[in-house]
């Protein structure tokens, strides 16, 4: 079962970033990013680390394993 991580979408929207901008950050296409965000494909560990570092939050926060950023 594919997981959708609501915190990733929320943090993107809270920072007024588009899917296209996030895709550029991760060096993937916008379509690939969209599929990550909707759970159609699994997030890669390296993508999660890049996002966590960019937003200064933990990977556990992105994965909804904690409410602590």
N, C-alpha and C. Protein backbone atom coordinates (compact mmCIF):
# COMPACT_ATOMS: atom_id res chain seq x y z
N UNK A 1 0.84 -1.20 0.00
CA UNK A 1 0.00 0.00 0.00
C UNK A 1 0.88 1.25 0.00
N UNK A 2 0.60 2.15 -0.89
CA UNK A 2 1.35 3.39 -0.99
C UNK A 2 0.89 4.36 0.10
N UNK A 3 1.84 5.09 0.64
CA UNK A 3 1.52 6.03 1.71
C UNK A 3 1.54 7.46 1.16
N UNK A 4 0.59 8.25 1.61
CA UNK A 4 0.55 9.67 1.30
C UNK A 4 0.91 10.39 2.59
N UNK A 5 1.91 11.22 2.54
CA UNK A 5 2.37 11.92 3.73
C UNK A 5 1.87 13.36 3.69
N UNK A 6 0.83 13.63 4.48
CA UNK A 6 0.17 14.93 4.46
C UNK A 6 1.11 16.07 4.85
N UNK A 7 2.10 15.79 5.69
CA UNK A 7 3.00 16.86 6.14
C UNK A 7 3.86 17.39 5.00
N UNK A 8 4.18 16.56 4.04
CA UNK A 8 5.01 17.02 2.92
C UNK A 8 4.23 18.03 2.07
N UNK A 9 3.01 17.70 1.75
CA UNK A 9 2.18 18.63 0.97
C UNK A 9 1.92 19.90 1.79
N UNK A 10 1.61 19.73 3.07
CA UNK A 10 1.31 20.88 3.92
C UNK A 10 2.50 21.83 4.03
N UNK A 11 3.69 21.29 4.22
CA UNK A 11 4.86 22.15 4.37
C UNK A 11 5.17 22.87 3.05
N UNK A 12 4.92 22.19 1.94
CA UNK A 12 5.11 22.84 0.63
C UNK A 12 4.14 24.00 0.48
N UNK A 13 2.86 23.75 0.78
CA UNK A 13 1.85 24.79 0.64
C UNK A 13 2.05 25.92 1.65
N UNK A 14 2.45 25.58 2.87
CA UNK A 14 2.70 26.61 3.89
C UNK A 14 3.82 27.56 3.49
N UNK A 15 4.72 27.07 2.66
CA UNK A 15 5.84 27.89 2.20
C UNK A 15 5.62 28.44 0.80
N UNK A 16 4.39 28.35 0.33
CA UNK A 16 4.00 28.90 -0.98
C UNK A 16 4.86 28.40 -2.13
N UNK A 17 5.18 27.11 -2.09
CA UNK A 17 5.94 26.52 -3.18
C UNK A 17 5.01 25.68 -4.05
N UNK A 18 5.27 25.68 -5.34
CA UNK A 18 4.49 24.87 -6.26
C UNK A 18 5.11 23.47 -6.36
N UNK A 19 4.35 22.56 -6.92
CA UNK A 19 4.91 21.23 -7.18
C UNK A 19 6.10 21.34 -8.13
N UNK A 20 6.03 22.23 -9.07
CA UNK A 20 7.13 22.43 -10.02
C UNK A 20 8.40 22.88 -9.30
N UNK A 21 8.26 23.80 -8.35
CA UNK A 21 9.42 24.25 -7.59
C UNK A 21 10.01 23.12 -6.75
N UNK A 22 9.15 22.32 -6.15
CA UNK A 22 9.63 21.19 -5.36
C UNK A 22 10.32 20.17 -6.27
N UNK A 23 9.76 19.95 -7.44
CA UNK A 23 10.37 19.03 -8.38
C UNK A 23 11.77 19.49 -8.77
N UNK A 24 11.92 20.79 -8.98
CA UNK A 24 13.24 21.34 -9.32
C UNK A 24 14.22 21.14 -8.17
N UNK A 25 13.76 21.34 -6.94
CA UNK A 25 14.60 21.11 -5.76
C UNK A 25 15.10 19.67 -5.72
N UNK A 26 14.23 18.74 -6.08
CA UNK A 26 14.56 17.32 -6.02
C UNK A 26 15.18 16.79 -7.31
N UNK A 27 15.25 17.64 -8.32
CA UNK A 27 15.79 17.26 -9.63
C UNK A 27 14.98 16.12 -10.26
N UNK A 28 13.65 16.26 -10.18
CA UNK A 28 12.74 15.33 -10.83
C UNK A 28 11.73 16.13 -11.64
N UNK A 29 10.95 15.46 -12.46
CA UNK A 29 9.92 16.17 -13.22
C UNK A 29 8.76 16.54 -12.30
N UNK A 30 7.96 17.49 -12.73
CA UNK A 30 6.78 17.87 -11.94
C UNK A 30 5.83 16.70 -11.84
N UNK A 31 5.72 15.92 -12.90
CA UNK A 31 4.85 14.75 -12.89
C UNK A 31 5.30 13.74 -11.85
N UNK A 32 6.60 13.50 -11.77
CA UNK A 32 7.13 12.58 -10.77
C UNK A 32 6.85 13.10 -9.37
N UNK A 33 7.07 14.39 -9.16
CA UNK A 33 6.79 14.97 -7.84
C UNK A 33 5.32 14.78 -7.49
N UNK A 34 4.45 15.06 -8.42
CA UNK A 34 3.01 14.90 -8.19
C UNK A 34 2.68 13.47 -7.77
N UNK A 35 3.32 12.52 -8.43
CA UNK A 35 3.09 11.12 -8.09
C UNK A 35 3.61 10.78 -6.70
N UNK A 36 4.71 11.39 -6.30
CA UNK A 36 5.20 11.23 -4.92
C UNK A 36 4.12 11.74 -3.95
N UNK A 37 3.66 12.94 -4.21
CA UNK A 37 2.75 13.61 -3.27
C UNK A 37 1.40 12.90 -3.17
N UNK A 38 0.95 12.29 -4.24
CA UNK A 38 -0.33 11.59 -4.21
C UNK A 38 -0.20 10.12 -3.82
N UNK A 39 1.03 9.66 -3.62
CA UNK A 39 1.24 8.29 -3.18
C UNK A 39 1.27 7.26 -4.29
N UNK A 40 1.31 7.71 -5.53
CA UNK A 40 1.37 6.77 -6.64
C UNK A 40 2.72 6.09 -6.73
N UNK A 41 3.78 6.79 -6.34
CA UNK A 41 5.11 6.19 -6.24
C UNK A 41 5.67 6.50 -4.86
N UNK A 42 6.56 5.63 -4.40
CA UNK A 42 7.16 5.78 -3.07
C UNK A 42 8.22 6.87 -3.08
N UNK A 43 8.27 7.61 -1.98
CA UNK A 43 9.34 8.60 -1.80
C UNK A 43 10.67 7.87 -1.69
N UNK A 44 11.71 8.48 -2.23
CA UNK A 44 13.05 7.93 -2.03
C UNK A 44 13.62 8.53 -0.75
N UNK A 45 14.51 7.80 -0.13
CA UNK A 45 15.15 8.30 1.09
C UNK A 45 15.89 9.60 0.81
N UNK A 46 16.57 9.67 -0.31
CA UNK A 46 17.34 10.89 -0.62
C UNK A 46 16.42 12.09 -0.81
N UNK A 47 15.26 11.89 -1.41
CA UNK A 47 14.30 13.00 -1.58
C UNK A 47 13.80 13.49 -0.24
N UNK A 48 13.50 12.55 0.66
CA UNK A 48 13.02 12.94 1.99
C UNK A 48 14.08 13.73 2.75
N UNK A 49 15.33 13.34 2.62
CA UNK A 49 16.42 14.05 3.30
C UNK A 49 16.56 15.46 2.73
N UNK A 50 16.48 15.59 1.42
CA UNK A 50 16.59 16.91 0.78
C UNK A 50 15.46 17.82 1.28
N UNK A 51 14.24 17.31 1.32
CA UNK A 51 13.10 18.11 1.77
C UNK A 51 13.26 18.48 3.25
N UNK A 52 13.65 17.52 4.06
CA UNK A 52 13.83 17.78 5.49
C UNK A 52 14.89 18.86 5.72
N UNK A 53 16.00 18.76 5.02
CA UNK A 53 17.07 19.76 5.16
C UNK A 53 16.60 21.13 4.66
N UNK A 54 15.90 21.15 3.54
CA UNK A 54 15.45 22.41 2.96
C UNK A 54 14.51 23.16 3.90
N UNK A 55 13.60 22.42 4.55
CA UNK A 55 12.62 23.05 5.44
C UNK A 55 13.02 23.01 6.91
N UNK A 56 14.22 22.47 7.18
CA UNK A 56 14.73 22.39 8.55
C UNK A 56 13.77 21.65 9.47
N UNK A 57 13.31 20.49 9.01
CA UNK A 57 12.45 19.61 9.80
C UNK A 57 13.05 18.20 9.77
N UNK A 58 12.54 17.32 10.60
CA UNK A 58 13.04 15.94 10.61
C UNK A 58 12.33 15.11 9.55
N UNK A 59 13.00 14.06 9.13
CA UNK A 59 12.37 13.12 8.21
C UNK A 59 11.18 12.46 8.90
N UNK A 60 11.29 12.20 10.20
CA UNK A 60 10.16 11.62 10.94
C UNK A 60 8.94 12.53 10.87
N UNK A 61 9.15 13.84 10.91
CA UNK A 61 8.02 14.77 10.77
C UNK A 61 7.39 14.63 9.38
N UNK A 62 8.21 14.57 8.36
CA UNK A 62 7.69 14.42 7.00
C UNK A 62 6.91 13.12 6.84
N UNK A 63 7.34 12.08 7.53
CA UNK A 63 6.70 10.78 7.42
C UNK A 63 5.54 10.60 8.39
N UNK A 64 5.13 11.69 9.04
CA UNK A 64 4.02 11.67 9.99
C UNK A 64 4.28 10.74 11.18
N UNK A 65 5.55 10.57 11.53
CA UNK A 65 5.89 9.73 12.68
C UNK A 65 5.98 10.54 13.96
N UNK A 66 5.98 11.87 13.83
CA UNK A 66 6.01 12.76 14.97
C UNK A 66 5.37 14.09 14.58
N UNK A 67 4.90 14.82 15.57
CA UNK A 67 4.39 16.17 15.32
C UNK A 67 5.46 17.22 15.55
N UNK A 68 6.62 16.80 16.05
CA UNK A 68 7.73 17.70 16.30
C UNK A 68 8.49 17.94 15.00
N UNK A 69 8.57 19.19 14.59
CA UNK A 69 9.29 19.49 13.35
C UNK A 69 10.77 19.25 13.54
